[in-house]
Amino acid sequence: MGAHEIRERLGGVSRQRAYQITSRADFPAPVADLAQGKVWSTDDVEAWMKVHRKEQDDTEG
């Protein structure tokens, strides 16, 4: 999945916010860095989101 798909899965965050998130040390490493941009494993991104969304939900409650 590319940055655009990640932005959509994160609820339509800005490009800047998506860059901040994908640059985090705990975010999965891209599986490829193409001329069009980085590409991440969908499974890796989904697993990361599952953990981090749970953390957000826990702090909001």
N, C-alpha and C. Protein backbone atom coordinates (compact mmCIF):
# COMPACT_ATOMS: atom_id res chain seq x y z
N MET A 1 0.85 -1.16 0.00
CA MET A 1 0.00 0.00 0.00
C MET A 1 0.90 1.22 0.00
N GLY A 2 0.48 2.22 -0.74
CA GLY A 2 1.24 3.45 -0.83
C GLY A 2 0.76 4.48 0.18
N ALA A 3 1.39 5.64 0.18
CA ALA A 3 1.06 6.70 1.12
C ALA A 3 -0.40 7.15 1.00
N HIS A 4 -0.91 7.19 -0.22
CA HIS A 4 -2.30 7.61 -0.42
C HIS A 4 -3.26 6.64 0.28
N GLU A 5 -3.02 5.36 0.11
CA GLU A 5 -3.88 4.36 0.75
C GLU A 5 -3.77 4.43 2.27
N ILE A 6 -2.57 4.68 2.76
CA ILE A 6 -2.39 4.83 4.21
C ILE A 6 -3.18 6.04 4.71
N ARG A 7 -3.10 7.14 3.98
CA ARG A 7 -3.86 8.34 4.35
C ARG A 7 -5.35 8.04 4.43
N GLU A 8 -5.87 7.31 3.46
CA GLU A 8 -7.29 6.96 3.46
C GLU A 8 -7.64 6.07 4.65
N ARG A 9 -6.80 5.06 4.93
CA ARG A 9 -7.07 4.14 6.04
C ARG A 9 -7.00 4.84 7.39
N LEU A 10 -6.23 5.92 7.47
CA LEU A 10 -6.11 6.68 8.70
C LEU A 10 -7.20 7.75 8.81
N GLY A 11 -8.16 7.69 7.94
CA GLY A 11 -9.29 8.61 8.04
C GLY A 11 -9.13 9.89 7.25
N GLY A 12 -8.30 9.87 6.24
CA GLY A 12 -8.13 11.05 5.39
C GLY A 12 -7.20 12.10 5.98
N VAL A 13 -6.15 11.64 6.69
CA VAL A 13 -5.20 12.59 7.26
C VAL A 13 -4.45 13.32 6.15
N SER A 14 -3.83 14.43 6.51
CA SER A 14 -3.07 15.22 5.53
C SER A 14 -1.81 14.48 5.11
N ARG A 15 -1.22 14.93 4.03
CA ARG A 15 0.04 14.34 3.57
C ARG A 15 1.12 14.51 4.64
N GLN A 16 1.14 15.68 5.26
CA GLN A 16 2.14 15.94 6.29
C GLN A 16 1.97 14.98 7.47
N ARG A 17 0.72 14.76 7.89
CA ARG A 17 0.47 13.86 9.02
C ARG A 17 0.83 12.43 8.65
N ALA A 18 0.51 12.02 7.44
CA ALA A 18 0.86 10.67 6.99
C ALA A 18 2.38 10.50 6.99
N TYR A 19 3.10 11.53 6.56
CA TYR A 19 4.57 11.47 6.57
C TYR A 19 5.09 11.33 8.00
N GLN A 20 4.51 12.10 8.93
CA GLN A 20 4.91 12.00 10.33
C GLN A 20 4.70 10.59 10.86
N ILE A 21 3.56 10.02 10.55
CA ILE A 21 3.23 8.68 11.04
C ILE A 21 4.15 7.63 10.43
N THR A 22 4.32 7.68 9.11
CA THR A 22 5.15 6.66 8.45
C THR A 22 6.63 6.82 8.76
N SER A 23 7.03 7.96 9.31
CA SER A 23 8.42 8.19 9.70
C SER A 23 8.71 7.76 11.13
N ARG A 24 7.68 7.39 11.88
CA ARG A 24 7.88 6.97 13.27
C ARG A 24 8.75 5.72 13.32
N ALA A 25 9.54 5.62 14.38
CA ALA A 25 10.43 4.46 14.54
C ALA A 25 9.64 3.16 14.67
N ASP A 26 8.42 3.25 15.22
CA ASP A 26 7.64 2.02 15.42
C ASP A 26 6.73 1.68 14.25
N PHE A 27 6.72 2.51 13.20
CA PHE A 27 5.91 2.21 12.01
C PHE A 27 6.66 1.19 11.16
N PRO A 28 5.95 0.27 10.53
CA PRO A 28 6.63 -0.75 9.71
C PRO A 28 7.51 -0.13 8.63
N ALA A 29 8.62 -0.78 8.37
CA ALA A 29 9.51 -0.33 7.29
C ALA A 29 8.84 -0.61 5.94
N PRO A 30 9.08 0.27 4.97
CA PRO A 30 8.52 0.00 3.64
C PRO A 30 9.17 -1.24 3.03
N VAL A 31 8.39 -1.94 2.22
CA VAL A 31 8.93 -3.14 1.55
C VAL A 31 9.65 -2.76 0.26
N ALA A 32 9.39 -1.55 -0.24
CA ALA A 32 10.07 -1.07 -1.45
C ALA A 32 10.04 0.45 -1.45
N ASP A 33 11.05 1.03 -2.09
CA ASP A 33 11.13 2.48 -2.26
C ASP A 33 11.25 2.73 -3.77
N LEU A 34 10.11 2.95 -4.39
CA LEU A 34 10.03 3.10 -5.84
C LEU A 34 10.15 4.56 -6.24
N ALA A 35 10.28 4.82 -7.52
CA ALA A 35 10.34 6.20 -8.01
C ALA A 35 9.07 6.97 -7.63
N GLN A 36 7.94 6.27 -7.56
CA GLN A 36 6.67 6.90 -7.21
C GLN A 36 6.49 7.07 -5.71
N GLY A 37 7.35 6.46 -4.92
CA GLY A 37 7.28 6.58 -3.47
C GLY A 37 7.43 5.23 -2.79
N LYS A 38 7.33 5.28 -1.48
CA LYS A 38 7.49 4.06 -0.69
C LYS A 38 6.22 3.23 -0.73
N VAL A 39 6.41 1.92 -0.53
CA VAL A 39 5.30 0.97 -0.52
C VAL A 39 5.45 0.10 0.72
N TRP A 40 4.34 -0.06 1.45
CA TRP A 40 4.32 -0.85 2.67
C TRP A 40 3.46 -2.08 2.49
N SER A 41 3.76 -3.09 3.27
CA SER A 41 2.93 -4.29 3.31
C SER A 41 1.60 -3.93 3.96
N THR A 42 0.51 -4.26 3.29
CA THR A 42 -0.82 -3.98 3.84
C THR A 42 -0.99 -4.67 5.19
N ASP A 43 -0.55 -5.91 5.29
CA ASP A 43 -0.67 -6.65 6.55
C ASP A 43 0.08 -5.95 7.68
N ASP A 44 1.29 -5.46 7.39
CA ASP A 44 2.08 -4.77 8.41
C ASP A 44 1.40 -3.48 8.86
N VAL A 45 0.89 -2.72 7.91
CA VAL A 45 0.23 -1.45 8.24
C VAL A 45 -1.05 -1.71 9.03
N GLU A 46 -1.84 -2.69 8.61
CA GLU A 46 -3.08 -3.01 9.31
C GLU A 46 -2.79 -3.45 10.75
N ALA A 47 -1.74 -4.25 10.94
CA ALA A 47 -1.38 -4.71 12.28
C ALA A 47 -0.95 -3.52 13.14
N TRP A 48 -0.17 -2.61 12.58
CA TRP A 48 0.26 -1.41 13.31
C TRP A 48 -0.94 -0.56 13.70
N MET A 49 -1.86 -0.38 12.77
CA MET A 49 -3.05 0.44 13.04
C MET A 49 -3.91 -0.20 14.13
N LYS A 50 -4.03 -1.49 14.11
CA LYS A 50 -4.84 -2.19 15.11
C LYS A 50 -4.30 -1.90 16.53
N VAL A 51 -3.00 -1.99 16.69
CA VAL A 51 -2.37 -1.73 17.99
C VAL A 51 -2.52 -0.26 18.38
N HIS A 52 -2.22 0.64 17.47
CA HIS A 52 -2.20 2.05 17.81
C HIS A 52 -3.59 2.66 17.91
N ARG A 53 -4.54 2.16 17.20
CA ARG A 53 -5.91 2.63 17.37
C ARG A 53 -6.44 2.20 18.73
N LYS A 54 -6.07 1.00 19.17
CA LYS A 54 -6.49 0.54 20.49
C LYS A 54 -5.91 1.45 21.57
N GLU A 55 -4.65 1.84 21.43
CA GLU A 55 -4.02 2.75 22.38
C GLU A 55 -4.77 4.08 22.42
N GLN A 56 -5.15 4.60 21.25
CA GLN A 56 -5.91 5.85 21.20
C GLN A 56 -7.25 5.69 21.89
N ASP A 57 -7.96 4.60 21.61
CA ASP A 57 -9.26 4.36 22.24
C ASP A 57 -9.14 4.28 23.75
N ASP A 58 -8.07 3.64 24.23
CA ASP A 58 -7.86 3.49 25.67
C ASP A 58 -7.62 4.83 26.35
N THR A 59 -6.94 5.74 25.68
CA THR A 59 -6.63 7.03 26.29
C THR A 59 -7.79 8.00 26.17
N GLU A 60 -8.68 7.80 25.22
CA GLU A 60 -9.81 8.69 25.03
C GLU A 60 -10.94 8.38 25.99
N GLY A 61 -11.05 7.14 26.48
CA GLY A 61 -12.16 6.71 27.30
C GLY A 61 -12.02 7.19 28.68
